[in-house]
Amino acid sequence: MKKVKITLVKSPIDRPQRQKLTLQALGLNKTNSSKEVEASPQVLGMIRKVEHMLKVEEI
């Protein structure tokens, strides 16, 4: 399966609680933190919900 590197580039302060929980589920806590995740349909859906705060790169 493909891997994707996601980086949190905008702060989740003053965002809806659902978006904060989605970022937490993806494992992104602090600004500029990165994580490599499998590109499963569930993870891609989570990324799509908060993509305005993320930078996504294929590996």
PDB file of N, CA and C in Angstrom:
ATOM      1  N   MET A   1       0.835  -1.186   0.000  1.00  0.00           N
ATOM      2  CA  MET A   1       0.000   0.000   0.000  1.00  0.00           C
ATOM      3  C   MET A   1       0.880   1.249   0.000  1.00  0.00           C
ATOM      4  N   LYS A   2       0.389   2.324  -0.592  1.00  0.00           N
ATOM      5  CA  LYS A   2       1.137   3.573  -0.639  1.00  0.00           C
ATOM      6  C   LYS A   2       1.265   4.179   0.751  1.00  0.00           C
ATOM      7  N   LYS A   3       2.316   4.981   0.905  1.00  0.00           N
ATOM      8  CA  LYS A   3       2.479   5.754   2.126  1.00  0.00           C
ATOM      9  C   LYS A   3       2.388   7.229   1.771  1.00  0.00           C
ATOM     10  N   VAL A   4       1.926   8.003   2.729  1.00  0.00           N
ATOM     11  CA  VAL A   4       1.766   9.438   2.558  1.00  0.00           C
ATOM     12  C   VAL A   4       2.408  10.120   3.759  1.00  0.00           C
ATOM     13  N   LYS A   5       3.148  11.203   3.500  1.00  0.00           N
ATOM     14  CA  LYS A   5       3.716  12.007   4.587  1.00  0.00           C
ATOM     15  C   LYS A   5       2.832  13.234   4.753  1.00  0.00           C
ATOM     16  N   ILE A   6       2.296  13.415   5.961  1.00  0.00           N
ATOM     17  CA  ILE A   6       1.442  14.564   6.238  1.00  0.00           C
ATOM     18  C   ILE A   6       2.135  15.456   7.265  1.00  0.00           C
ATOM     19  N   THR A   7       2.046  16.756   7.056  1.00  0.00           N
ATOM     20  CA  THR A   7       2.658  17.739   7.944  1.00  0.00           C
ATOM     21  C   THR A   7       1.608  18.772   8.315  1.00  0.00           C
ATOM     22  N   LEU A   8       1.497  19.055   9.603  1.00  0.00           N
ATOM     23  CA  LEU A   8       0.551  20.072  10.080  1.00  0.00           C
ATOM     24  C   LEU A   8       1.200  21.441   9.902  1.00  0.00           C
ATOM     25  N   VAL A   9       0.628  22.295   9.048  1.00  0.00           N
ATOM     26  CA  VAL A   9       1.230  23.598   8.764  1.00  0.00           C
ATOM     27  C   VAL A   9       0.436  24.767   9.351  1.00  0.00           C
ATOM     28  N   LYS A  10      -0.800  24.537   9.748  1.00  0.00           N
ATOM     29  CA  LYS A  10      -1.602  25.590  10.377  1.00  0.00           C
ATOM     30  C   LYS A  10      -2.077  25.111  11.741  1.00  0.00           C
ATOM     31  N   SER A  11      -2.202  26.040  12.650  1.00  0.00           N
ATOM     32  CA  SER A  11      -2.602  25.712  14.011  1.00  0.00           C
ATOM     33  C   SER A  11      -4.079  25.330  14.091  1.00  0.00           C
ATOM     34  N   PRO A  12      -4.402  24.323  14.917  1.00  0.00           N
ATOM     35  CA  PRO A  12      -5.811  23.949  15.105  1.00  0.00           C
ATOM     36  C   PRO A  12      -6.558  24.842  16.100  1.00  0.00           C
ATOM     37  N   ILE A  13      -5.899  25.890  16.585  1.00  0.00           N
ATOM     38  CA  ILE A  13      -6.569  26.819  17.496  1.00  0.00           C
ATOM     39  C   ILE A  13      -7.703  27.510  16.744  1.00  0.00           C
ATOM     40  N   ASP A  14      -8.831  27.666  17.403  1.00  0.00           N
ATOM     41  CA  ASP A  14     -10.025  28.307  16.848  1.00  0.00           C
ATOM     42  C   ASP A  14     -10.602  27.520  15.671  1.00  0.00           C
ATOM     43  N   ARG A  15     -10.502  26.198  15.725  1.00  0.00           N
ATOM     44  CA  ARG A  15     -11.104  25.294  14.748  1.00  0.00           C
ATOM     45  C   ARG A  15     -12.174  24.473  15.460  1.00  0.00           C
ATOM     46  N   PRO A  16     -13.110  23.907  14.711  1.00  0.00           N
ATOM     47  CA  PRO A  16     -14.133  23.059  15.345  1.00  0.00           C
ATOM     48  C   PRO A  16     -13.511  21.843  16.042  1.00  0.00           C
ATOM     49  N   GLN A  17     -14.178  21.380  17.065  1.00  0.00           N
ATOM     50  CA  GLN A  17     -13.678  20.252  17.857  1.00  0.00           C
ATOM     51  C   GLN A  17     -13.481  19.000  17.012  1.00  0.00           C
ATOM     52  N   ARG A  18     -14.352  18.775  16.027  1.00  0.00           N
ATOM     53  CA  ARG A  18     -14.220  17.587  15.169  1.00  0.00           C
ATOM     54  C   ARG A  18     -12.916  17.609  14.385  1.00  0.00           C
ATOM     55  N   GLN A  19     -12.504  18.793  13.933  1.00  0.00           N
ATOM     56  CA  GLN A  19     -11.242  18.884  13.202  1.00  0.00           C
ATOM     57  C   GLN A  19     -10.055  18.637  14.134  1.00  0.00           C
ATOM     58  N   LYS A  20     -10.135  19.130  15.350  1.00  0.00           N
ATOM     59  CA  LYS A  20      -9.068  18.891  16.327  1.00  0.00           C
ATOM     60  C   LYS A  20      -8.943  17.402  16.623  1.00  0.00           C
ATOM     61  N   LEU A  21     -10.072  16.716  16.766  1.00  0.00           N
ATOM     62  CA  LEU A  21     -10.050  15.284  17.038  1.00  0.00           C
ATOM     63  C   LEU A  21      -9.524  14.495  15.844  1.00  0.00           C
ATOM     64  N   THR A  22      -9.827  14.951  14.640  1.00  0.00           N
ATOM     65  CA  THR A  22      -9.308  14.293  13.440  1.00  0.00           C
ATOM     66  C   THR A  22      -7.791  14.410  13.383  1.00  0.00           C
ATOM     67  N   LEU A  23      -7.262  15.591  13.688  1.00  0.00           N
ATOM     68  CA  LEU A  23      -5.806  15.776  13.716  1.00  0.00           C
ATOM     69  C   LEU A  23      -5.171  14.898  14.780  1.00  0.00           C
ATOM     70  N   GLN A  24      -5.819  14.786  15.921  1.00  0.00           N
ATOM     71  CA  GLN A  24      -5.305  13.946  16.996  1.00  0.00           C
ATOM     72  C   GLN A  24      -5.296  12.477  16.573  1.00  0.00           C
ATOM     73  N   ALA A  25      -6.329  12.046  15.860  1.00  0.00           N
ATOM     74  CA  ALA A  25      -6.401  10.664  15.386  1.00  0.00           C
ATOM     75  C   ALA A  25      -5.322  10.383  14.336  1.00  0.00           C
ATOM     76  N   LEU A  26      -4.952  11.402  13.564  1.00  0.00           N
ATOM     77  CA  LEU A  26      -3.879  11.245  12.585  1.00  0.00           C
ATOM     78  C   LEU A  26      -2.502  11.266  13.245  1.00  0.00           C
ATOM     79  N   GLY A  27      -2.433  11.674  14.512  1.00  0.00           N
ATOM     80  CA  GLY A  27      -1.173  11.692  15.236  1.00  0.00           C
ATOM     81  C   GLY A  27      -0.416  12.998  15.112  1.00  0.00           C
ATOM     82  N   LEU A  28      -1.116  14.066  14.761  1.00  0.00           N
ATOM     83  CA  LEU A  28      -0.477  15.380  14.611  1.00  0.00           C
ATOM     84  C   LEU A  28      -0.904  16.269  15.771  1.00  0.00           C
ATOM     85  N   ASN A  29       0.050  16.639  16.614  1.00  0.00           N
ATOM     86  CA  ASN A  29      -0.271  17.426  17.792  1.00  0.00           C
ATOM     87  C   ASN A  29       0.213  18.864  17.698  1.00  0.00           C
ATOM     88  N   LYS A  30       1.439  19.044  17.219  1.00  0.00           N
ATOM     89  CA  LYS A  30       2.025  20.380  17.182  1.00  0.00           C
ATOM     90  C   LYS A  30       2.205  20.834  15.737  1.00  0.00           C
ATOM     91  N   THR A  31       2.258  22.142  15.547  1.00  0.00           N
ATOM     92  CA  THR A  31       2.502  22.697  14.228  1.00  0.00           C
ATOM     93  C   THR A  31       3.870  22.230  13.732  1.00  0.00           C
ATOM     94  N   ASN A  32       3.957  21.933  12.466  1.00  0.00           N
ATOM     95  CA  ASN A  32       5.156  21.422  11.790  1.00  0.00           C
ATOM     96  C   ASN A  32       5.520  19.993  12.192  1.00  0.00           C
ATOM     97  N   SER A  33       4.641  19.290  12.863  1.00  0.00           N
ATOM     98  CA  SER A  33       4.890  17.873  13.141  1.00  0.00           C
ATOM     99  C   SER A  33       4.497  17.067  11.903  1.00  0.00           C
ATOM    100  N   SER A  34       5.254  15.994  11.639  1.00  0.00           N
ATOM    101  CA  SER A  34       5.016  15.168  10.461  1.00  0.00           C
ATOM    102  C   SER A  34       4.773  13.730  10.867  1.00  0.00           C
ATOM    103  N   LYS A  35       4.119  13.010   9.968  1.00  0.00           N
ATOM    104  CA  LYS A  35       3.831  11.607  10.220  1.00  0.00           C
ATOM    105  C   LYS A  35       3.719  10.892   8.881  1.00  0.00           C
ATOM    106  N   GLU A  36       4.229   9.677   8.804  1.00  0.00           N
ATOM    107  CA  GLU A  36       4.056   8.843   7.619  1.00  0.00           C
ATOM    108  C   GLU A  36       2.959   7.831   7.924  1.00  0.00           C
ATOM    109  N   VAL A  37       1.946   7.805   7.080  1.00  0.00           N
ATOM    110  CA  VAL A  37       0.802   6.915   7.299  1.00  0.00           C
ATOM    111  C   VAL A  37       0.497   6.148   6.024  1.00  0.00           C
ATOM    112  N   GLU A  38      -0.147   5.003   6.182  1.00  0.00           N
ATOM    113  CA  GLU A  38      -0.617   4.218   5.039  1.00  0.00           C
ATOM    114  C   GLU A  38      -1.779   4.959   4.375  1.00  0.00           C
ATOM    115  N   ALA A  39      -1.851   4.914   3.064  1.00  0.00           N
ATOM    116  CA  ALA A  39      -2.890   5.638   2.327  1.00  0.00           C
ATOM    117  C   ALA A  39      -4.139   4.769   2.164  1.00  0.00           C
ATOM    118  N   SER A  40      -4.748   4.405   3.279  1.00  0.00           N
ATOM    119  CA  SER A  40      -5.989   3.629   3.232  1.00  0.00           C
ATOM    120  C   SER A  40      -7.163   4.582   2.996  1.00  0.00           C
ATOM    121  N   PRO A  41      -8.294   4.074   2.558  1.00  0.00           N
ATOM    122  CA  PRO A  41      -9.457   4.949   2.325  1.00  0.00           C
ATOM    123  C   PRO A  41      -9.891   5.710   3.583  1.00  0.00           C
ATOM    124  N   GLN A  42      -9.769   5.096   4.742  1.00  0.00           N
ATOM    125  CA  GLN A  42     -10.162   5.757   5.985  1.00  0.00           C
ATOM    126  C   GLN A  42      -9.244   6.942   6.277  1.00  0.00           C
ATOM    127  N   VAL A  43      -7.945   6.743   6.127  1.00  0.00           N
ATOM    128  CA  VAL A  43      -6.977   7.807   6.408  1.00  0.00           C
ATOM    129  C   VAL A  43      -7.106   8.923   5.370  1.00  0.00           C
ATOM    130  N   LEU A  44      -7.311   8.572   4.113  1.00  0.00           N
ATOM    131  CA  LEU A  44      -7.468   9.592   3.082  1.00  0.00           C
ATOM    132  C   LEU A  44      -8.708  10.444   3.322  1.00  0.00           C
ATOM    133  N   GLY A  45      -9.768   9.850   3.850  1.00  0.00           N
ATOM    134  CA  GLY A  45     -10.971  10.605   4.198  1.00  0.00           C
ATOM    135  C   GLY A  45     -10.712  11.574   5.341  1.00  0.00           C
ATOM    136  N   MET A  46      -9.918  11.137   6.322  1.00  0.00           N
ATOM    137  CA  MET A  46      -9.564  12.020   7.430  1.00  0.00           C
ATOM    138  C   MET A  46      -8.699  13.177   6.942  1.00  0.00           C
ATOM    139  N   ILE A  47      -7.768  12.880   6.037  1.00  0.00           N
ATOM    140  CA  ILE A  47      -6.908  13.923   5.477  1.00  0.00           C
ATOM    141  C   ILE A  47      -7.745  14.930   4.700  1.00  0.00           C
ATOM    142  N   ARG A  48      -8.723  14.446   3.954  1.00  0.00           N
ATOM    143  CA  ARG A  48      -9.572  15.323   3.151  1.00  0.00           C
ATOM    144  C   ARG A  48     -10.357  16.300   4.036  1.00  0.00           C
ATOM    145  N   LYS A  49     -10.746  15.882   5.235  1.00  0.00           N
ATOM    146  CA  LYS A  49     -11.526  16.744   6.126  1.00  0.00           C
ATOM    147  C   LYS A  49     -10.709  17.911   6.675  1.00  0.00           C
ATOM    148  N   VAL A  50      -9.399  17.739   6.797  1.00  0.00           N
ATOM    149  CA  VAL A  50      -8.559  18.797   7.384  1.00  0.00           C
ATOM    150  C   VAL A  50      -7.423  19.199   6.442  1.00  0.00           C
ATOM    151  N   GLU A  51      -7.609  19.002   5.131  1.00  0.00           N
ATOM    152  CA  GLU A  51      -6.524  19.261   4.189  1.00  0.00           C
ATOM    153  C   GLU A  51      -6.139  20.735   4.109  1.00  0.00           C
ATOM    154  N   HIS A  52      -7.004  21.636   4.561  1.00  0.00           N
ATOM    155  CA  HIS A  52      -6.673  23.057   4.556  1.00  0.00           C
ATOM    156  C   HIS A  52      -5.615  23.400   5.610  1.00  0.00           C
ATOM    157  N   MET A  53      -5.332  22.478   6.530  1.00  0.00           N
ATOM    158  CA  MET A  53      -4.309  22.693   7.552  1.00  0.00           C
ATOM    159  C   MET A  53      -3.075  21.828   7.342  1.00  0.00           C
ATOM    160  N   LEU A  54      -3.079  20.976   6.308  1.00  0.00           N
ATOM    161  CA  LEU A  54      -2.021  20.002   6.102  1.00  0.00           C
ATOM    162  C   LEU A  54      -1.254  20.244   4.822  1.00  0.00           C
ATOM    163  N   LYS A  55      -0.039  19.706   4.789  1.00  0.00           N
ATOM    164  CA  LYS A  55       0.735  19.580   3.561  1.00  0.00           C
ATOM    165  C   LYS A  55       0.904  18.076   3.358  1.00  0.00           C
ATOM    166  N   VAL A  56       0.498  17.576   2.201  1.00  0.00           N
ATOM    167  CA  VAL A  56       0.493  16.134   1.944  1.00  0.00           C
ATOM    168  C   VAL A  56       1.492  15.830   0.824  1.00  0.00           C
ATOM    169  N   GLU A  57       2.369  14.842   1.066  1.00  0.00           N
ATOM    170  CA  GLU A  57       3.353  14.409   0.075  1.00  0.00           C
ATOM    171  C   GLU A  57       3.282  12.903  -0.065  1.00  0.00           C
ATOM    172  N   GLU A  58       3.335  12.405  -1.309  1.00  0.00           N
ATOM    173  CA  GLU A  58       3.384  10.963  -1.525  1.00  0.00           C
ATOM    174  C   GLU A  58       4.813  10.482  -1.345  1.00  0.00           C
ATOM    175  N   ILE A  59       4.952   9.278  -0.815  1.00  0.00           N
ATOM    176  CA  ILE A  59       6.279   8.687  -0.624  1.00  0.00           C
ATOM    177  C   ILE A  59       6.445   7.521  -1.581  1.00  0.00           C
TER     178      ILE A  59
END
